[in-house]
C-alpha atoms as a PDB file:
ATOM      1  CA  MET A   1     -24.531  -1.476  14.052  1.00  0.00           C
ATOM      2  CA  ASP A   2     -24.964   2.074  13.582  1.00  0.00           C
ATOM      3  CA  PHE A   3     -22.964   2.928  10.278  1.00  0.00           C
ATOM      4  CA  THR A   4     -21.018   6.028  11.196  1.00  0.00           C
ATOM      5  CA  HIS A   5     -19.832   7.805   8.077  1.00  0.00           C
ATOM      6  CA  PHE A   6     -23.042   9.861   7.791  1.00  0.00           C
ATOM      7  CA  ASN A   7     -24.095  12.708   9.450  1.00  0.00           C
ATOM      8  CA  GLU A   8     -27.718  13.574  10.555  1.00  0.00           C
ATOM      9  CA  GLN A   9     -27.970  15.317   7.026  1.00  0.00           C
ATOM     10  CA  LYS A  10     -26.779  11.896   5.451  1.00  0.00           C
ATOM     11  CA  ARG A  11     -23.491  13.382   4.002  1.00  0.00           C
ATOM     12  CA  ALA A  12     -20.581  11.742   4.340  1.00  0.00           C
ATOM     13  CA  LYS A  13     -18.125  12.903   7.612  1.00  0.00           C
ATOM     14  CA  MET A  14     -15.353  11.319   9.018  1.00  0.00           C
ATOM     15  CA  VAL A  15     -15.507   8.448  11.820  1.00  0.00           C
ATOM     16  CA  ASP A  16     -15.448  10.065  15.383  1.00  0.00           C
ATOM     17  CA  VAL A  17     -12.897   7.447  16.812  1.00  0.00           C
ATOM     18  CA  SER A  18     -12.229   9.697  20.106  1.00  0.00           C
ATOM     19  CA  HIS A  19     -13.916   6.621  22.204  1.00  0.00           C
ATOM     20  CA  LYS A  20     -11.672   4.187  21.226  1.00  0.00           C
ATOM     21  CA  ASP A  21      -8.371   2.831  22.953  1.00  0.00           C
ATOM     22  CA  TYR A  22      -5.061   3.017  21.892  1.00  0.00           C
ATOM     23  CA  THR A  23      -3.838  -0.402  20.616  1.00  0.00           C
ATOM     24  CA  LEU A  24      -1.314  -1.800  18.097  1.00  0.00           C
ATOM     25  CA  ARG A  25      -2.365  -2.171  15.017  1.00  0.00           C
ATOM     26  CA  ILE A  26      -0.401  -3.762  12.027  1.00  0.00           C
ATOM     27  CA  ALA A  27      -1.883  -4.399   8.236  1.00  0.00           C
ATOM     28  CA  LYS A  28      -0.215  -6.339   5.344  1.00  0.00           C
ATOM     29  CA  ALA A  29      -1.208  -5.692   1.696  1.00  0.00           C
ATOM     30  CA  TYR A  30       0.341  -7.082  -1.427  1.00  0.00           C
ATOM     31  CA  GLY A  31       0.414  -6.111  -5.119  1.00  0.00           C
ATOM     32  CA  GLU A  32       2.048  -7.320  -8.265  1.00  0.00           C
ATOM     33  CA  VAL A  33       3.385  -5.771 -11.282  1.00  0.00           C
ATOM     34  CA  LYS A  34       3.675  -7.944 -14.283  1.00  0.00           C
ATOM     35  CA  LEU A  35       6.564  -6.756 -16.822  1.00  0.00           C
ATOM     36  CA  SER A  36       7.163  -7.626 -20.490  1.00  0.00           C
ATOM     37  CA  LYS A  37      10.676  -9.825 -20.443  1.00  0.00           C
ATOM     38  CA  GLU A  38      12.405  -6.819 -21.475  1.00  0.00           C
ATOM     39  CA  ALA A  39      11.244  -4.635 -19.032  1.00  0.00           C
ATOM     40  CA  TYR A  40      11.447  -7.187 -16.257  1.00  0.00           C
ATOM     41  CA  GLN A  41      15.373  -7.951 -17.288  1.00  0.00           C
ATOM     42  CA  ALA A  42      16.126  -4.523 -17.440  1.00  0.00           C
ATOM     43  CA  VAL A  43      14.793  -4.241 -14.063  1.00  0.00           C
ATOM     44  CA  LYS A  44      17.174  -7.138 -12.385  1.00  0.00           C
ATOM     45  CA  ASP A  45      19.834  -5.862 -14.328  1.00  0.00           C
ATOM     46  CA  GLY A  46      19.831  -2.485 -13.076  1.00  0.00           C
ATOM     47  CA  LYS A  47      19.533  -1.293 -16.829  1.00  0.00           C
ATOM     48  CA  ILE A  48      16.479   1.307 -16.000  1.00  0.00           C
ATOM     49  CA  LYS A  49      17.704   4.831 -17.121  1.00  0.00           C
ATOM     50  CA  LYS A  50      15.582   6.554 -14.272  1.00  0.00           C
ATOM     51  CA  GLY A  51      17.358   4.365 -11.633  1.00  0.00           C
ATOM     52  CA  ASP A  52      17.546   1.760  -9.191  1.00  0.00           C
ATOM     53  CA  VAL A  53      13.550   0.802  -9.689  1.00  0.00           C
ATOM     54  CA  LEU A  54      12.954  -1.156  -6.324  1.00  0.00           C
ATOM     55  CA  ALA A  55      15.000   1.215  -4.184  1.00  0.00           C
ATOM     56  CA  VAL A  56      12.880   4.286  -5.882  1.00  0.00           C
ATOM     57  CA  ALA A  57       9.468   2.350  -5.499  1.00  0.00           C
ATOM     58  CA  GLN A  58      10.472   1.358  -1.639  1.00  0.00           C
ATOM     59  CA  VAL A  59      11.095   5.122  -0.898  1.00  0.00           C
ATOM     60  CA  ALA A  60       8.089   6.247  -3.118  1.00  0.00           C
ATOM     61  CA  GLY A  61       5.822   3.421  -1.255  1.00  0.00           C
ATOM     62  CA  ILE A  62       6.775   4.602   1.832  1.00  0.00           C
ATOM     63  CA  MET A  63       6.268   8.246   0.863  1.00  0.00           C
ATOM     64  CA  GLY A  64       2.504   7.412  -0.404  1.00  0.00           C
ATOM     65  CA  ALA A  65       1.539   5.699   2.925  1.00  0.00           C
ATOM     66  CA  LYS A  66       2.508   8.975   5.126  1.00  0.00           C
ATOM     67  CA  GLN A  67       0.356  10.816   2.558  1.00  0.00           C
ATOM     68  CA  THR A  68      -2.726   8.657   2.468  1.00  0.00           C
ATOM     69  CA  PRO A  69      -5.290  10.959   4.273  1.00  0.00           C
ATOM     70  CA  HIS A  70      -4.343  13.503   1.811  1.00  0.00           C
ATOM     71  CA  LEU A  71      -5.411  11.191  -1.029  1.00  0.00           C
ATOM     72  CA  ILE A  72      -8.812   9.181   0.606  1.00  0.00           C
ATOM     73  CA  PRO A  73     -10.801  11.935   2.013  1.00  0.00           C
ATOM     74  CA  MET A  74     -12.037  10.011   5.162  1.00  0.00           C
ATOM     75  CA  CYS A  75      -8.917   8.650   5.962  1.00  0.00           C
ATOM     76  CA  HIS A  76      -7.409   9.986   9.558  1.00  0.00           C
ATOM     77  CA  PRO A  77      -4.245  11.362   9.576  1.00  0.00           C
ATOM     78  CA  LEU A  78      -1.998   9.014  11.791  1.00  0.00           C
ATOM     79  CA  PRO A  79       1.268   9.003  13.654  1.00  0.00           C
ATOM     80  CA  ILE A  80       3.018   5.846  11.514  1.00  0.00           C
ATOM     81  CA  GLU A  81       5.297   4.048  13.381  1.00  0.00           C
ATOM     82  CA  GLY A  82       6.777   1.636  11.029  1.00  0.00           C
ATOM     83  CA  ILE A  83       6.434   1.117   7.319  1.00  0.00           C
ATOM     84  CA  ASP A  84       8.349  -1.881   5.324  1.00  0.00           C
ATOM     85  CA  ILE A  85       8.395  -2.591   1.960  1.00  0.00           C
ATOM     86  CA  ASN A  86       9.520  -5.560   0.508  1.00  0.00           C
ATOM     87  CA  PHE A  87       9.631  -7.045  -3.231  1.00  0.00           C
ATOM     88  CA  GLU A  88      10.175 -10.535  -4.292  1.00  0.00           C
ATOM     89  CA  MET A  89      11.294 -11.206  -8.484  1.00  0.00           C
ATOM     90  CA  ASP A  90       9.016 -14.278  -9.761  1.00  0.00           C
ATOM     91  CA  ASP A  91      11.347 -14.653 -13.175  1.00  0.00           C
ATOM     92  CA  ASP A  92       8.792 -17.406 -14.280  1.00  0.00           C
ATOM     93  CA  ASN A  93       6.124 -14.710 -14.512  1.00  0.00           C
ATOM     94  CA  CYS A  94       8.043 -11.327 -15.303  1.00  0.00           C
ATOM     95  CA  THR A  95       6.458 -10.292 -12.179  1.00  0.00           C
ATOM     96  CA  ILE A  96       7.456  -8.238  -9.216  1.00  0.00           C
ATOM     97  CA  LYS A  97       5.686  -8.801  -6.297  1.00  0.00           C
ATOM     98  CA  ILE A  98       5.363  -6.118  -3.475  1.00  0.00           C
ATOM     99  CA  PHE A  99       4.473  -6.605   0.117  1.00  0.00           C
ATOM    100  CA  SER A 100       4.187  -4.054   2.674  1.00  0.00           C
ATOM    101  CA  GLU A 101       3.770  -3.490   6.593  1.00  0.00           C
ATOM    102  CA  THR A 102       2.523  -0.798   8.283  1.00  0.00           C
ATOM    103  CA  LYS A 103       2.314  -0.465  12.104  1.00  0.00           C
ATOM    104  CA  ILE A 104       0.943   1.917  14.737  1.00  0.00           C
ATOM    105  CA  THR A 105      -0.443   2.168  17.981  1.00  0.00           C
ATOM    106  CA  HIS A 106      -3.352   4.407  17.578  1.00  0.00           C
ATOM    107  CA  LYS A 107      -7.425   4.692  17.787  1.00  0.00           C
ATOM    108  CA  THR A 108      -7.914   3.435  14.224  1.00  0.00           C
ATOM    109  CA  GLY A 109      -6.304   1.229  11.788  1.00  0.00           C
ATOM    110  CA  ILE A 110      -3.661   1.750   9.160  1.00  0.00           C
ATOM    111  CA  GLU A 111      -4.905  -0.681   6.508  1.00  0.00           C
ATOM    112  CA  MET A 112      -5.313   1.925   3.909  1.00  0.00           C
ATOM    113  CA  GLU A 113      -1.971   2.980   4.357  1.00  0.00           C
ATOM    114  CA  ALA A 114      -0.510  -0.401   3.869  1.00  0.00           C
ATOM    115  CA  VAL A 115      -2.946  -0.849   0.361  1.00  0.00           C
ATOM    116  CA  VAL A 116      -1.500   2.743  -0.613  1.00  0.00           C
ATOM    117  CA  ALA A 117       2.163   1.601   0.190  1.00  0.00           C
ATOM    118  CA  VAL A 118       1.597  -1.297  -2.333  1.00  0.00           C
ATOM    119  CA  SER A 119      -0.249   0.970  -4.679  1.00  0.00           C
ATOM    120  CA  ILE A 120       2.468   4.017  -5.250  1.00  0.00           C
ATOM    121  CA  ALA A 121       4.993   1.428  -5.451  1.00  0.00           C
ATOM    122  CA  ALA A 122       3.708  -0.508  -8.040  1.00  0.00           C
ATOM    123  CA  LEU A 123       2.885   2.946  -9.654  1.00  0.00           C
ATOM    124  CA  THR A 124       6.426   3.952  -9.704  1.00  0.00           C
ATOM    125  CA  ILE A 125       7.656   0.517 -11.233  1.00  0.00           C
ATOM    126  CA  TYR A 126       5.138   1.423 -13.889  1.00  0.00           C
ATOM    127  CA  ASP A 127       6.618   5.239 -14.206  1.00  0.00           C
ATOM    128  CA  MET A 128      10.115   3.826 -14.423  1.00  0.00           C
ATOM    129  CA  CYS A 129       9.452   0.959 -17.036  1.00  0.00           C
ATOM    130  CA  LYS A 130       6.985   2.485 -19.269  1.00  0.00           C
ATOM    131  CA  ALA A 131       9.660   3.468 -21.796  1.00  0.00           C
ATOM    132  CA  ILE A 132      10.552  -0.230 -22.051  1.00  0.00           C
ATOM    133  CA  ASP A 133       6.851  -1.198 -21.663  1.00  0.00           C
ATOM    134  CA  LYS A 134       3.881   0.494 -22.271  1.00  0.00           C
ATOM    135  CA  ALA A 135       1.557  -2.690 -21.425  1.00  0.00           C
ATOM    136  CA  ILE A 136       2.700  -2.934 -17.866  1.00  0.00           C
ATOM    137  CA  GLU A 137      -0.113  -4.662 -15.415  1.00  0.00           C
ATOM    138  CA  ILE A 138      -0.681  -3.637 -11.847  1.00  0.00           C
ATOM    139  CA  LYS A 139      -2.095  -6.436 -10.461  1.00  0.00           C
ATOM    140  CA  GLU A 140      -4.119  -8.265  -7.222  1.00  0.00           C
ATOM    141  CA  VAL A 141      -3.492  -5.052  -5.173  1.00  0.00           C
ATOM    142  CA  LYS A 142      -5.395  -6.330  -1.853  1.00  0.00           C
ATOM    143  CA  LEU A 143      -5.256  -6.129   2.020  1.00  0.00           C
ATOM    144  CA  LEU A 144      -3.834  -9.720   3.517  1.00  0.00           C
ATOM    145  CA  TYR A 145      -3.794  -9.092   7.110  1.00  0.00           C
ATOM    146  CA  LYS A 146      -4.818  -6.479   9.681  1.00  0.00           C
ATOM    147  CA  GLU A 147      -4.454  -7.071  13.668  1.00  0.00           C
ATOM    148  CA  GLY A 148      -5.678  -4.475  16.570  1.00  0.00           C
ATOM    149  CA  GLY A 149      -8.504  -2.571  17.706  1.00  0.00           C
ATOM    150  CA  LYS A 150     -12.214  -3.837  18.203  1.00  0.00           C
ATOM    151  CA  SER A 151     -12.399  -6.169  15.568  1.00  0.00           C
ATOM    152  CA  GLY A 152      -9.009  -8.079  16.051  1.00  0.00           C
ATOM    153  CA  THR A 153      -7.194 -10.063  13.493  1.00  0.00           C
ATOM    154  CA  TRP A 154      -8.287 -10.452  10.060  1.00  0.00           C
ATOM    155  CA  THR A 155      -6.215 -12.622   7.628  1.00  0.00           C
ATOM    156  CA  ARG A 156      -7.364 -13.209   3.716  1.00  0.00           C
ATOM    157  CA  LYS A 157      -7.847 -16.928   3.191  1.00  0.00           C
END
């Protein structure tokens, strides 16, 4: 397989996708934010002074996904057709689990947008809760699933 990320001078370039077909592409990502009991309870009770943590994190994650090509140099700017972010509260571990799903019909994948959505949502939770908890951990950010394009479907085991 030819590695297409370098030009003739062995310098980085954006991959040429002009020859590829438009196909439906879906990507799902995951991440989690581990909080202290106090911070976790404040999120659940709506007591964070900066506002509704999950509502703000959801909007931030969507905005982040849309900014992906501005953050990661070789990402193609894409007309994203769908972004959804969901949260699960894990009371036993004081953890907020973040799930994103991104969709597009295009020539290249949308995995990075799904991962950025989770990352920015997690960073927003951190920012909104840091006054209560300086030891917040962002963990397990990863791609869970992708489909579409020449490489087909991939699922994390």
